[in-house]
Amino acid sequence: MPSAIIEINRLKVYAYHGVGDQETKVGNDFEVSVHLEYPCDYAMKTDRLDFTMSYADVLDVVIKEMRKPSKLLENVVFRIHSVIMYRFPRVIGGSITVLKLHPPLSEQMESCGFTYKW
């Protein structure tokens, strides 16, 4: 059965994830990308919305879970993955990346993050 990947790339979110006091009080800019593999043959053939995945519904999951503070990005990604798999049982694989855009480190870098693939 053919499959496709729905993509949400580089969603900007302000959130309160991190171990340090500053991170949990002041917050930081994050970037979230989600790629979800699902069967697409019926949607492609029929042009019917009920056979596809809604970007808006996936965005809703990501935004709601990003609003809940966590110490670890691994925990944030786990929560996003858990809700997606519950709400969208047709998903057969994918990846979720959460990047912290301004990590409180002395070294110069664009971002630090965590990616989970399944």
N, C-alpha and C. Protein backbone atom coordinates (compact mmCIF):
# COMPACT_ATOMS: atom_id res chain seq x y z
N MET A 1 0.85 -1.18 0.00
CA MET A 1 0.00 0.00 0.00
C MET A 1 0.90 1.24 0.00
N PRO A 2 0.65 2.18 -0.91
CA PRO A 2 1.45 3.40 -0.94
C PRO A 2 1.28 4.22 0.34
N SER A 3 2.34 4.90 0.69
CA SER A 3 2.24 5.80 1.84
C SER A 3 2.85 7.14 1.47
N ALA A 4 2.56 8.13 2.29
CA ALA A 4 3.06 9.49 2.07
C ALA A 4 3.47 10.06 3.42
N ILE A 5 4.10 11.20 3.36
CA ILE A 5 4.52 11.87 4.59
C ILE A 5 3.92 13.26 4.63
N ILE A 6 3.17 13.53 5.67
CA ILE A 6 2.67 14.87 5.93
C ILE A 6 3.77 15.57 6.73
N GLU A 7 4.08 16.81 6.35
CA GLU A 7 5.19 17.53 6.97
C GLU A 7 4.75 18.85 7.59
N ILE A 8 5.22 19.07 8.79
CA ILE A 8 5.15 20.39 9.42
C ILE A 8 6.60 20.74 9.71
N ASN A 9 7.08 21.79 9.08
CA ASN A 9 8.49 22.12 9.16
C ASN A 9 8.72 23.46 9.85
N ARG A 10 9.55 23.40 10.88
CA ARG A 10 10.08 24.57 11.55
C ARG A 10 9.00 25.49 12.14
N LEU A 11 8.01 24.87 12.79
CA LEU A 11 6.99 25.63 13.51
C LEU A 11 7.66 26.37 14.67
N LYS A 12 7.48 27.67 14.75
CA LYS A 12 8.07 28.47 15.82
C LYS A 12 7.12 28.51 17.01
N VAL A 13 7.65 28.18 18.19
CA VAL A 13 6.86 28.14 19.42
C VAL A 13 7.70 28.72 20.55
N TYR A 14 7.09 29.55 21.38
CA TYR A 14 7.75 30.03 22.59
C TYR A 14 7.28 29.15 23.74
N ALA A 15 8.23 28.58 24.49
CA ALA A 15 7.85 27.63 25.55
C ALA A 15 8.85 27.68 26.69
N TYR A 16 8.57 26.90 27.73
CA TYR A 16 9.32 26.94 28.98
C TYR A 16 9.93 25.59 29.32
N HIS A 17 10.72 25.06 28.41
CA HIS A 17 11.36 23.77 28.61
C HIS A 17 12.83 23.97 28.96
N GLY A 18 13.30 23.22 29.94
CA GLY A 18 14.71 23.28 30.28
C GLY A 18 14.94 22.96 31.74
N VAL A 19 16.19 22.77 32.08
CA VAL A 19 16.58 22.40 33.43
C VAL A 19 16.84 23.63 34.29
N GLY A 20 17.39 24.67 33.70
CA GLY A 20 17.76 25.86 34.46
C GLY A 20 16.57 26.72 34.85
N ASP A 21 16.75 27.46 35.95
CA ASP A 21 15.68 28.35 36.42
C ASP A 21 15.28 29.37 35.36
N GLN A 22 16.25 29.94 34.66
CA GLN A 22 15.95 30.94 33.64
C GLN A 22 15.07 30.36 32.55
N GLU A 23 15.36 29.13 32.15
CA GLU A 23 14.59 28.50 31.07
C GLU A 23 13.14 28.27 31.46
N THR A 24 12.91 27.93 32.71
CA THR A 24 11.53 27.65 33.13
C THR A 24 10.76 28.92 33.49
N LYS A 25 11.47 30.00 33.78
CA LYS A 25 10.79 31.26 34.12
C LYS A 25 10.68 32.20 32.94
N VAL A 26 11.76 32.35 32.18
CA VAL A 26 11.80 33.30 31.07
C VAL A 26 11.35 32.65 29.77
N GLY A 27 11.68 31.38 29.58
CA GLY A 27 11.31 30.67 28.36
C GLY A 27 12.34 30.81 27.27
N ASN A 28 12.01 30.26 26.11
CA ASN A 28 12.94 30.25 24.99
C ASN A 28 12.15 30.03 23.71
N ASP A 29 12.79 30.34 22.60
CA ASP A 29 12.22 30.06 21.29
C ASP A 29 12.56 28.63 20.90
N PHE A 30 11.57 27.92 20.39
CA PHE A 30 11.74 26.55 19.93
C PHE A 30 11.26 26.44 18.49
N GLU A 31 11.75 25.41 17.83
CA GLU A 31 11.32 25.09 16.48
C GLU A 31 10.95 23.62 16.46
N VAL A 32 9.77 23.31 15.94
CA VAL A 32 9.29 21.93 15.93
C VAL A 32 9.01 21.50 14.49
N SER A 33 9.52 20.33 14.13
CA SER A 33 9.22 19.72 12.83
C SER A 33 8.65 18.33 13.07
N VAL A 34 7.58 18.02 12.35
CA VAL A 34 6.91 16.73 12.49
C VAL A 34 6.70 16.15 11.09
N HIS A 35 7.13 14.92 10.89
CA HIS A 35 6.92 14.21 9.64
C HIS A 35 6.19 12.91 9.98
N LEU A 36 5.01 12.73 9.41
CA LEU A 36 4.20 11.56 9.72
C LEU A 36 3.88 10.78 8.46
N GLU A 37 4.24 9.50 8.48
CA GLU A 37 3.96 8.62 7.35
C GLU A 37 2.62 7.93 7.57
N TYR A 38 1.80 7.93 6.52
CA TYR A 38 0.47 7.31 6.61
C TYR A 38 0.05 6.82 5.23
N PRO A 39 -0.89 5.87 5.16
CA PRO A 39 -1.39 5.40 3.87
C PRO A 39 -2.14 6.54 3.16
N CYS A 40 -1.83 6.75 1.91
CA CYS A 40 -2.42 7.90 1.21
C CYS A 40 -3.21 7.52 -0.04
N ASP A 41 -3.26 6.24 -0.40
CA ASP A 41 -3.84 5.87 -1.69
C ASP A 41 -5.30 6.29 -1.85
N TYR A 42 -6.11 6.15 -0.81
CA TYR A 42 -7.53 6.53 -0.94
C TYR A 42 -7.69 8.04 -1.07
N ALA A 43 -6.92 8.80 -0.32
CA ALA A 43 -7.00 10.26 -0.43
C ALA A 43 -6.58 10.71 -1.83
N MET A 44 -5.55 10.10 -2.36
CA MET A 44 -5.08 10.48 -3.69
C MET A 44 -6.11 10.16 -4.77
N LYS A 45 -6.78 9.03 -4.63
CA LYS A 45 -7.74 8.60 -5.65
C LYS A 45 -9.08 9.31 -5.54
N THR A 46 -9.50 9.63 -4.31
CA THR A 46 -10.87 10.12 -4.11
C THR A 46 -10.97 11.63 -3.87
N ASP A 47 -9.88 12.28 -3.48
CA ASP A 47 -9.90 13.70 -3.14
C ASP A 47 -10.82 13.98 -1.95
N ARG A 48 -10.92 13.00 -1.04
CA ARG A 48 -11.80 13.14 0.13
C ARG A 48 -10.96 13.41 1.37
N LEU A 49 -11.39 14.40 2.15
CA LEU A 49 -10.67 14.81 3.35
C LEU A 49 -10.64 13.72 4.42
N ASP A 50 -11.67 12.89 4.48
CA ASP A 50 -11.72 11.87 5.53
C ASP A 50 -10.70 10.75 5.33
N PHE A 51 -9.98 10.74 4.21
CA PHE A 51 -8.95 9.74 3.97
C PHE A 51 -7.53 10.32 4.12
N THR A 52 -7.42 11.54 4.60
CA THR A 52 -6.11 12.14 4.75
C THR A 52 -5.91 12.58 6.20
N MET A 53 -4.81 13.26 6.46
CA MET A 53 -4.53 13.81 7.79
C MET A 53 -4.58 15.32 7.71
N SER A 54 -5.14 15.94 8.70
CA SER A 54 -5.28 17.39 8.73
C SER A 54 -4.04 18.03 9.36
N TYR A 55 -3.40 18.92 8.60
CA TYR A 55 -2.27 19.67 9.15
C TYR A 55 -2.70 20.43 10.40
N ALA A 56 -3.90 21.01 10.36
CA ALA A 56 -4.39 21.80 11.49
C ALA A 56 -4.54 20.95 12.74
N ASP A 57 -5.01 19.72 12.60
CA ASP A 57 -5.16 18.84 13.76
C ASP A 57 -3.81 18.45 14.36
N VAL A 58 -2.83 18.19 13.49
CA VAL A 58 -1.49 17.86 13.98
C VAL A 58 -0.87 19.08 14.66
N LEU A 59 -1.02 20.25 14.06
CA LEU A 59 -0.52 21.49 14.68
C LEU A 59 -1.12 21.70 16.05
N ASP A 60 -2.40 21.44 16.19
CA ASP A 60 -3.08 21.60 17.47
C ASP A 60 -2.43 20.73 18.54
N VAL A 61 -2.11 19.49 18.21
CA VAL A 61 -1.45 18.58 19.15
C VAL A 61 -0.10 19.15 19.56
N VAL A 62 0.69 19.56 18.58
CA VAL A 62 2.03 20.07 18.86
C VAL A 62 1.98 21.30 19.76
N ILE A 63 1.14 22.24 19.44
CA ILE A 63 1.05 23.48 20.22
C ILE A 63 0.59 23.21 21.64
N LYS A 64 -0.41 22.35 21.80
CA LYS A 64 -0.89 22.03 23.16
C LYS A 64 0.20 21.37 24.01
N GLU A 65 0.95 20.45 23.43
CA GLU A 65 1.99 19.77 24.18
C GLU A 65 3.19 20.67 24.44
N MET A 66 3.50 21.57 23.53
CA MET A 66 4.61 22.50 23.74
C MET A 66 4.30 23.50 24.85
N ARG A 67 3.04 23.75 25.12
CA ARG A 67 2.65 24.68 26.19
C ARG A 67 2.88 24.10 27.59
N LYS A 68 3.03 22.79 27.70
CA LYS A 68 3.25 22.14 28.99
C LYS A 68 4.75 22.07 29.27
N PRO A 69 5.24 22.78 30.29
CA PRO A 69 6.69 22.79 30.56
C PRO A 69 7.25 21.41 30.90
N SER A 70 8.46 21.17 30.42
CA SER A 70 9.20 19.94 30.73
C SER A 70 10.66 20.31 30.95
N LYS A 71 11.33 19.52 31.75
CA LYS A 71 12.77 19.71 31.91
C LYS A 71 13.51 19.21 30.67
N LEU A 72 13.06 18.10 30.11
CA LEU A 72 13.77 17.45 29.01
C LEU A 72 12.99 17.54 27.70
N LEU A 73 13.71 17.81 26.61
CA LEU A 73 13.08 17.80 25.29
C LEU A 73 12.59 16.39 24.95
N GLU A 74 13.28 15.38 25.47
CA GLU A 74 12.84 14.00 25.26
C GLU A 74 11.42 13.79 25.76
N ASN A 75 11.09 14.41 26.89
CA ASN A 75 9.75 14.28 27.46
C ASN A 75 8.72 15.00 26.60
N VAL A 76 9.08 16.17 26.09
CA VAL A 76 8.17 16.92 25.21
C VAL A 76 7.87 16.09 23.97
N VAL A 77 8.91 15.55 23.34
CA VAL A 77 8.74 14.75 22.13
C VAL A 77 7.93 13.49 22.42
N PHE A 78 8.18 12.86 23.56
CA PHE A 78 7.41 11.67 23.95
C PHE A 78 5.91 12.01 24.03
N ARG A 79 5.59 13.13 24.65
CA ARG A 79 4.17 13.52 24.78
C ARG A 79 3.54 13.79 23.43
N ILE A 80 4.25 14.53 22.58
CA ILE A 80 3.73 14.81 21.24
C ILE A 80 3.49 13.50 20.49
N HIS A 81 4.47 12.60 20.53
CA HIS A 81 4.35 11.30 19.85
C HIS A 81 3.17 10.51 20.39
N SER A 82 3.03 10.46 21.71
CA SER A 82 1.94 9.67 22.32
C SER A 82 0.57 10.17 21.88
N VAL A 83 0.37 11.47 21.89
CA VAL A 83 -0.93 12.02 21.49
C VAL A 83 -1.18 11.80 20.01
N ILE A 84 -0.16 12.01 19.19
CA ILE A 84 -0.32 11.78 17.74
C ILE A 84 -0.72 10.33 17.47
N MET A 85 -0.04 9.38 18.10
CA MET A 85 -0.34 7.97 17.85
C MET A 85 -1.74 7.59 18.34
N TYR A 86 -2.21 8.26 19.39
CA TYR A 86 -3.56 8.00 19.90
C TYR A 86 -4.61 8.61 18.96
N ARG A 87 -4.40 9.86 18.58
CA ARG A 87 -5.40 10.58 17.77
C ARG A 87 -5.39 10.18 16.30
N PHE A 88 -4.25 9.71 15.80
CA PHE A 88 -4.11 9.39 14.38
C PHE A 88 -3.58 7.96 14.22
N PRO A 89 -4.42 6.97 14.44
CA PRO A 89 -3.96 5.58 14.44
C PRO A 89 -3.46 5.09 13.08
N ARG A 90 -3.71 5.85 12.02
CA ARG A 90 -3.24 5.43 10.69
C ARG A 90 -1.76 5.75 10.48
N VAL A 91 -1.15 6.50 11.38
CA VAL A 91 0.27 6.82 11.25
C VAL A 91 1.09 5.54 11.40
N ILE A 92 2.00 5.32 10.45
CA ILE A 92 2.81 4.09 10.48
C ILE A 92 4.29 4.37 10.72
N GLY A 93 4.68 5.62 10.80
CA GLY A 93 6.06 5.98 11.05
C GLY A 93 6.23 7.48 11.02
N GLY A 94 7.42 7.93 11.36
CA GLY A 94 7.65 9.36 11.28
C GLY A 94 8.81 9.82 12.12
N SER A 95 8.86 11.14 12.30
CA SER A 95 9.88 11.74 13.15
C SER A 95 9.35 13.04 13.73
N ILE A 96 9.87 13.36 14.91
CA ILE A 96 9.54 14.61 15.59
C ILE A 96 10.85 15.21 16.06
N THR A 97 11.08 16.48 15.72
CA THR A 97 12.27 17.19 16.14
C THR A 97 11.86 18.45 16.90
N VAL A 98 12.45 18.65 18.08
CA VAL A 98 12.26 19.89 18.83
C VAL A 98 13.64 20.50 19.03
N LEU A 99 13.81 21.73 18.56
CA LEU A 99 15.07 22.45 18.69
C LEU A 99 14.90 23.65 19.61
N LYS A 100 15.84 23.84 20.51
CA LYS A 100 15.90 25.05 21.34
C LYS A 100 16.79 26.03 20.58
N LEU A 101 16.23 27.18 20.19
CA LEU A 101 16.95 28.08 19.30
C LEU A 101 18.01 28.93 19.99
N HIS A 102 17.87 29.18 21.26
CA HIS A 102 18.86 30.00 21.98
C HIS A 102 19.25 29.31 23.27
N PRO A 103 19.97 28.19 23.17
CA PRO A 103 20.33 27.46 24.39
C PRO A 103 21.24 28.32 25.28
N PRO A 104 21.04 28.25 26.59
CA PRO A 104 21.83 29.07 27.51
C PRO A 104 23.23 28.49 27.74
N LEU A 105 24.00 28.47 26.69
CA LEU A 105 25.36 27.93 26.74
C LEU A 105 26.33 29.01 26.24
N SER A 106 27.56 28.94 26.68
CA SER A 106 28.54 29.96 26.28
C SER A 106 29.02 29.77 24.84
N GLU A 107 28.92 28.59 24.30
CA GLU A 107 29.36 28.33 22.94
C GLU A 107 28.34 28.91 21.94
N GLN A 108 28.83 29.34 20.81
CA GLN A 108 27.98 29.88 19.76
C GLN A 108 27.43 28.74 18.90
N MET A 109 26.13 28.68 18.77
CA MET A 109 25.50 27.67 17.93
C MET A 109 24.11 28.15 17.53
N GLU A 110 23.60 27.55 16.51
CA GLU A 110 22.27 27.92 16.03
C GLU A 110 21.18 27.34 16.91
N SER A 111 21.34 26.08 17.33
CA SER A 111 20.31 25.43 18.13
C SER A 111 20.85 24.14 18.73
N CYS A 112 20.10 23.62 19.70
CA CYS A 112 20.31 22.28 20.26
C CYS A 112 18.96 21.60 20.25
N GLY A 113 18.94 20.29 20.12
CA GLY A 113 17.63 19.67 20.08
C GLY A 113 17.65 18.17 20.21
N PHE A 114 16.47 17.61 19.96
CA PHE A 114 16.24 16.18 20.10
C PHE A 114 15.32 15.74 18.96
N THR A 115 15.66 14.61 18.33
CA THR A 115 14.82 14.04 17.27
C THR A 115 14.50 12.59 17.63
N TYR A 116 13.23 12.23 17.46
CA TYR A 116 12.80 10.86 17.67
C TYR A 116 12.24 10.34 16.34
N LYS A 117 12.72 9.17 15.91
CA LYS A 117 12.24 8.54 14.67
C LYS A 117 11.69 7.17 15.01
N TRP A 118 10.62 6.81 14.34
CA TRP A 118 10.07 5.47 14.52
C TRP A 118 9.55 4.93 13.20
